[in-house]
Amino acid sequence: MKRRFSVIDVSITLFLGLGAVLALFPFYQTLMLSFSTISDFGGGKVFLLPKQFDLSSYKYLFMEGKVTRGLFISVIVTVLGTAVSLIVTTTGAYALSKKTLPGRNFVFNAIIVTMFFSGGLIPTYLLLQKLHMQNNLLVMILPVAVNAFNLILMKNFFNGISPELEESAKMDGANDILILMRIVVPVSLPIIFTMMLFYAVERWNEWWLPMLFLNDSKLYPLQLVLRNAIANVNQILNNTAGAQLAAGIKNIYGDSVKSAMIIISAVPIIVVYPFIQKYFASGIMIGSIKG
């Protein structure tokens, strides 16, 4: 039986397709600009495709090693930070989902308060400084290990798990840790992968805390390197003109370098997202409506 498409179906499809094109076009244009030369851009020859693909901007960015080092640090922080955040959030949400937990309501309300009020920038800075977080990569992991919103979503998801599963496991002699690892986690993969995506994006895009606490440029993550490069790219290009010539790189265009940095910082998340996309929609919806 052939499916008939109504005018409304066609209109919605065209509207969503147009929206997708409009959303993706700036990223595509940035990608093309990263491969463009100053002559092509100045002559208005860059629209859908540049007249010639040029890798000078990428060669320049990897020439001094700052991008490579920043990329390595961002990967380490993202992997370790996401793992720590998932462990703390999962265990915390599982504990808060138990009505028998002493002081459960007080703890839960205290967590909600943190979503509306914070200690302020200066007290936070002084506290982390006293905790020896200055020039320490842990400043991008430990102070932001738990997001209250993510914790609530995961708690709501755990509330929807059938209690009979845990009761049967307890009858077989399993403790809470074993129940969490063997029963709760396997049936909670949608929300876990959703939280993994949330935390990975947060850790990957982190630049504010490193800017405040990292004085050693060798510890800068990729996003902070990106920020500094975008803010000072023209000055940096002028100061490294000799190194450019020695490396065979000529006529580097500042906007092309900025675009190349944006592409380098965005590609890892874009590559990872398709592998966990199928869990994302179900995890965020179930975690937001159950409770």
Protein backbone atom coordinates (compact mmCIF):
# COMPACT_ATOMS: atom_id res chain seq x y z
CA MET A 1 0.00 0.00 0.00
CA LYS A 2 1.46 3.30 -1.11
CA ARG A 3 1.64 6.07 1.42
CA ARG A 4 0.03 9.33 0.39
CA PHE A 5 1.66 12.57 1.34
CA SER A 6 -0.62 15.45 2.15
CA VAL A 7 0.10 19.11 1.53
CA ILE A 8 0.76 19.53 5.25
CA ASP A 9 3.35 16.71 5.26
CA VAL A 10 5.16 18.22 2.29
CA SER A 11 5.05 21.70 3.81
CA ILE A 12 6.42 20.51 7.16
CA THR A 13 9.20 18.55 5.41
CA LEU A 14 10.19 21.55 3.30
CA PHE A 15 10.07 23.86 6.31
CA LEU A 16 12.24 21.57 8.44
CA GLY A 17 14.63 21.00 5.53
CA LEU A 18 15.01 24.74 5.04
CA GLY A 19 15.61 25.16 8.77
CA ALA A 20 18.31 22.47 8.67
CA VAL A 21 20.03 24.19 5.72
CA LEU A 22 19.94 27.56 7.46
CA ALA A 23 21.36 26.01 10.65
CA LEU A 24 24.17 24.15 8.86
CA PHE A 25 25.14 26.86 6.37
CA PRO A 26 27.16 29.01 8.84
CA PHE A 27 29.19 25.95 9.85
CA TYR A 28 29.71 25.02 6.19
CA GLN A 29 30.75 28.57 5.35
CA THR A 30 33.21 28.54 8.26
CA LEU A 31 34.65 25.26 6.96
CA MET A 32 35.10 26.67 3.46
CA LEU A 33 36.64 29.87 4.81
CA SER A 34 39.21 27.82 6.73
CA PHE A 35 40.44 26.41 3.39
CA SER A 36 40.47 29.79 1.61
CA THR A 37 43.29 32.15 0.73
CA ILE A 38 43.26 35.90 1.30
CA SER A 39 43.11 36.53 -2.46
CA ASP A 40 40.04 34.32 -2.91
CA PHE A 41 38.22 35.90 0.02
CA GLY A 42 39.18 39.44 -0.98
CA GLY A 43 38.04 38.79 -4.54
CA GLY A 44 34.67 37.46 -3.43
CA LYS A 45 35.43 33.96 -4.76
CA VAL A 46 34.36 32.10 -1.61
CA PHE A 47 30.69 31.18 -1.52
CA LEU A 48 29.82 27.51 -1.83
CA LEU A 49 33.39 26.40 -2.59
CA PRO A 50 36.71 28.28 -2.59
CA LYS A 51 38.50 28.59 -5.89
CA GLN A 52 41.40 26.57 -4.50
CA PHE A 53 41.74 24.64 -1.25
CA ASP A 54 44.57 25.93 0.90
CA LEU A 55 45.80 24.28 4.13
CA SER A 56 48.05 27.15 5.23
CA SER A 57 45.80 28.08 8.17
CA TYR A 58 45.89 24.53 9.54
CA LYS A 59 49.66 24.27 8.97
CA TYR A 60 50.17 27.52 10.85
CA LEU A 61 48.00 26.45 13.81
CA PHE A 62 49.89 23.18 14.25
CA MET A 63 53.28 24.78 13.56
CA GLU A 64 54.04 26.01 17.10
CA GLY A 65 52.47 23.06 18.93
CA LYS A 66 50.00 25.09 21.00
CA VAL A 67 46.96 23.62 19.27
CA THR A 68 48.31 20.07 19.48
CA ARG A 69 49.10 20.47 23.18
CA GLY A 70 45.76 22.16 23.85
CA LEU A 71 43.93 19.40 21.97
CA PHE A 72 45.69 16.74 24.04
CA ILE A 73 44.85 18.51 27.32
CA SER A 74 41.21 18.98 26.30
CA VAL A 75 40.90 15.29 25.45
CA ILE A 76 42.37 14.27 28.82
CA VAL A 77 40.16 16.71 30.75
CA THR A 78 37.06 15.66 28.79
CA VAL A 79 37.62 11.92 29.30
CA LEU A 80 38.55 12.12 32.98
CA GLY A 81 36.04 14.87 33.78
CA THR A 82 33.17 13.05 32.10
CA ALA A 83 34.05 9.82 33.92
CA VAL A 84 34.20 11.55 37.31
CA SER A 85 30.96 13.44 36.67
CA LEU A 86 29.12 10.30 35.56
CA ILE A 87 30.26 8.34 38.62
CA VAL A 88 29.31 11.07 41.09
CA THR A 89 26.02 11.92 39.35
CA THR A 90 24.95 8.29 38.99
CA THR A 91 25.68 7.36 42.60
CA GLY A 92 24.18 10.59 43.92
CA ALA A 93 21.01 10.23 41.84
CA TYR A 94 20.61 6.59 42.87
CA ALA A 95 20.90 7.51 46.55
CA LEU A 96 18.39 10.37 46.21
CA SER A 97 15.93 8.08 44.43
CA LYS A 98 15.63 6.01 47.65
CA LYS A 99 12.84 7.23 49.92
CA THR A 100 14.52 5.48 52.86
CA LEU A 101 17.59 7.76 52.67
CA PRO A 102 17.84 9.83 55.91
CA GLY A 103 17.53 13.56 55.21
CA ARG A 104 16.68 12.90 51.57
CA ASN A 105 14.32 15.85 51.15
CA PHE A 106 16.72 18.29 52.83
CA VAL A 107 19.63 17.21 50.60
CA PHE A 108 17.49 17.34 47.48
CA ASN A 109 16.19 20.84 48.29
CA ALA A 110 19.73 22.01 49.04
CA ILE A 111 20.79 20.80 45.59
CA ILE A 112 17.90 22.67 43.95
CA VAL A 113 18.94 25.89 45.73
CA THR A 114 22.32 25.75 43.98
CA MET A 115 20.52 26.07 40.64
CA PHE A 116 19.35 29.57 41.62
CA PHE A 117 22.10 30.87 43.93
CA SER A 118 25.88 30.56 43.95
CA GLY A 119 28.65 31.66 46.25
CA GLY A 120 29.82 34.35 43.85
CA LEU A 121 32.95 34.67 41.74
CA ILE A 122 35.33 36.07 44.37
CA PRO A 123 34.47 33.55 47.16
CA THR A 124 34.71 30.74 44.62
CA TYR A 125 38.09 31.98 43.42
CA LEU A 126 39.44 32.29 46.98
CA LEU A 127 38.13 28.84 47.92
CA LEU A 128 39.67 27.09 44.93
CA GLN A 129 42.91 28.97 45.48
CA LYS A 130 43.09 27.71 49.07
CA LEU A 131 42.42 24.18 47.73
CA HIS A 132 45.61 24.51 45.61
CA MET A 133 43.75 24.51 42.31
CA GLN A 134 46.04 27.20 40.84
CA ASN A 135 47.85 25.82 37.76
CA ASN A 136 46.15 22.47 38.32
CA LEU A 137 44.16 20.68 35.62
CA LEU A 138 41.82 19.35 38.30
CA VAL A 139 40.27 22.83 38.44
CA MET A 140 38.42 21.85 35.24
CA ILE A 141 37.16 18.58 36.74
CA LEU A 142 36.45 18.64 40.49
CA PRO A 143 34.67 22.01 41.05
CA VAL A 144 32.21 21.24 38.23
CA ALA A 145 31.92 17.50 38.79
CA VAL A 146 28.14 17.59 39.35
CA ASN A 147 25.49 19.56 37.47
CA ALA A 148 22.31 19.87 39.58
CA PHE A 149 20.04 19.73 36.53
CA ASN A 150 21.68 16.53 35.28
CA LEU A 151 21.44 15.01 38.76
CA ILE A 152 17.70 15.70 38.91
CA LEU A 153 17.13 14.23 35.45
CA MET A 154 18.94 11.04 36.38
CA LYS A 155 17.13 10.80 39.73
CA ASN A 156 13.77 11.06 37.95
CA PHE A 157 14.84 8.31 35.59
CA PHE A 158 15.82 6.03 38.48
CA ASN A 159 12.45 6.69 40.12
CA GLY A 160 10.78 5.12 37.09
CA ILE A 161 12.65 1.81 37.36
CA SER A 162 10.45 -1.00 38.62
CA PRO A 163 11.15 -1.62 42.35
CA GLU A 164 10.51 -5.33 41.84
CA LEU A 165 13.88 -5.64 40.09
CA GLU A 166 15.74 -4.39 43.15
CA GLU A 167 13.60 -6.39 45.58
CA SER A 168 14.32 -9.62 43.76
CA ALA A 169 18.05 -8.82 43.78
CA LYS A 170 17.98 -8.13 47.53
CA MET A 171 16.28 -11.46 48.09
CA ASP A 172 19.28 -13.06 46.35
CA GLY A 173 21.64 -11.28 48.77
CA ALA A 174 22.77 -8.35 46.57
CA ASN A 175 23.71 -5.06 48.28
CA ASP A 176 22.98 -1.57 46.97
CA ILE A 177 26.30 -1.23 45.12
CA LEU A 178 25.81 -4.56 43.34
CA ILE A 179 22.23 -3.64 42.48
CA LEU A 180 23.38 -0.32 41.04
CA MET A 181 26.12 -1.88 38.90
CA ARG A 182 24.35 -5.06 37.78
CA ILE A 183 20.71 -3.94 37.46
CA VAL A 184 20.19 -0.17 37.52
CA VAL A 185 23.04 0.88 35.22
CA PRO A 186 22.27 -1.63 32.42
CA VAL A 187 18.62 -0.55 32.23
CA SER A 188 19.56 3.14 32.46
CA LEU A 189 21.81 3.40 29.41
CA PRO A 190 19.66 6.05 27.68
CA ILE A 191 19.96 8.56 30.53
CA ILE A 192 23.60 7.63 31.19
CA PHE A 193 24.61 8.27 27.58
CA THR A 194 22.62 11.50 27.61
CA MET A 195 24.47 12.67 30.72
CA MET A 196 27.74 11.58 29.14
CA LEU A 197 27.04 13.84 26.17
CA PHE A 198 26.09 16.76 28.41
CA TYR A 199 29.20 16.46 30.57
CA ALA A 200 31.52 15.81 27.63
CA VAL A 201 30.36 19.00 25.89
CA GLU A 202 30.74 20.98 29.13
CA ARG A 203 34.27 19.72 29.75
CA TRP A 204 35.28 20.12 26.12
CA ASN A 205 34.06 23.74 25.94
CA GLU A 206 35.56 24.75 29.31
CA TRP A 207 37.66 27.92 29.10
CA TRP A 208 36.46 30.18 31.94
CA LEU A 209 38.01 28.27 34.85
CA PRO A 210 41.34 27.71 33.04
CA MET A 211 41.49 31.41 32.20
CA LEU A 212 41.10 32.26 35.90
CA PHE A 213 43.36 29.62 37.44
CA LEU A 214 45.91 28.53 34.82
CA ASN A 215 48.85 30.89 34.46
CA ASP A 216 51.06 28.39 32.63
CA SER A 217 50.25 28.50 28.90
CA LYS A 218 51.43 24.88 28.57
CA LEU A 219 48.35 23.82 30.56
CA TYR A 220 45.86 25.71 28.39
CA PRO A 221 43.05 23.55 26.96
CA LEU A 222 42.07 23.89 23.32
CA GLN A 223 39.17 26.27 23.96
CA LEU A 224 41.39 28.76 25.80
CA VAL A 225 43.97 28.51 23.01
CA LEU A 226 41.10 29.16 20.59
CA ARG A 227 39.92 32.20 22.54
CA ASN A 228 43.38 33.72 22.71
CA ALA A 229 44.00 33.03 19.03
CA ILE A 230 40.72 34.62 17.94
CA ALA A 231 41.34 37.67 20.15
CA ASN A 232 44.94 38.22 19.05
CA VAL A 233 45.28 36.43 15.72
CA ASN A 234 46.43 39.44 13.67
CA GLN A 235 49.10 40.38 16.22
CA ILE A 236 50.26 36.76 16.44
CA LEU A 237 50.51 36.49 12.66
CA ASN A 238 52.64 39.63 12.49
CA ASN A 239 54.97 38.41 15.25
CA THR A 240 55.48 35.00 13.62
CA ALA A 241 55.94 36.14 10.02
CA GLY A 242 59.51 34.81 9.94
CA ALA A 243 58.46 31.40 11.18
CA GLN A 244 55.73 31.31 8.55
CA LEU A 245 58.21 31.93 5.75
CA ALA A 246 60.58 29.31 7.16
CA ALA A 247 57.75 26.78 7.13
CA GLY A 248 56.72 27.68 3.59
CA ILE A 249 53.44 29.28 4.71
CA LYS A 250 52.57 32.54 3.00
CA ASN A 251 49.70 35.02 2.92
CA ILE A 252 47.80 33.61 5.88
CA TYR A 253 44.43 35.28 6.28
CA GLY A 254 43.37 36.04 9.85
CA ASP A 255 39.73 35.04 9.36
CA SER A 256 40.83 31.74 7.82
CA VAL A 257 42.91 30.99 10.92
CA LYS A 258 39.93 31.79 13.17
CA SER A 259 37.70 29.53 11.08
CA ALA A 260 40.25 26.72 11.18
CA MET A 261 40.40 26.96 14.98
CA ILE A 262 36.61 26.75 15.21
CA ILE A 263 36.56 23.67 12.98
CA ILE A 264 39.33 21.96 14.97
CA SER A 265 37.50 22.54 18.25
CA ALA A 266 34.09 21.42 16.91
CA VAL A 267 35.03 18.28 14.98
CA PRO A 268 35.64 15.91 17.97
CA ILE A 269 32.16 16.50 19.44
CA ILE A 270 30.56 16.20 15.99
CA VAL A 271 32.32 12.87 15.47
CA VAL A 272 31.22 11.45 18.84
CA TYR A 273 27.59 12.62 18.75
CA PRO A 274 26.24 10.17 16.09
CA PHE A 275 27.27 7.18 18.21
CA ILE A 276 25.09 8.21 21.16
CA GLN A 277 22.33 10.06 19.29
CA LYS A 278 19.88 7.15 19.55
CA TYR A 279 20.05 7.31 23.36
CA PHE A 280 19.79 11.08 23.57
CA ALA A 281 16.10 11.74 22.79
CA SER A 282 14.74 8.90 24.92
CA GLY A 283 17.05 9.68 27.83
CA ILE A 284 16.24 13.37 28.08
CA MET A 285 12.48 12.86 27.65
CA ILE A 286 12.11 10.03 30.14
CA GLY A 287 14.35 11.73 32.68
CA SER A 288 12.38 14.97 32.45
CA ILE A 289 8.85 13.57 32.84
CA LYS A 290 9.29 10.77 35.36
CA GLY A 291 9.51 11.46 39.03
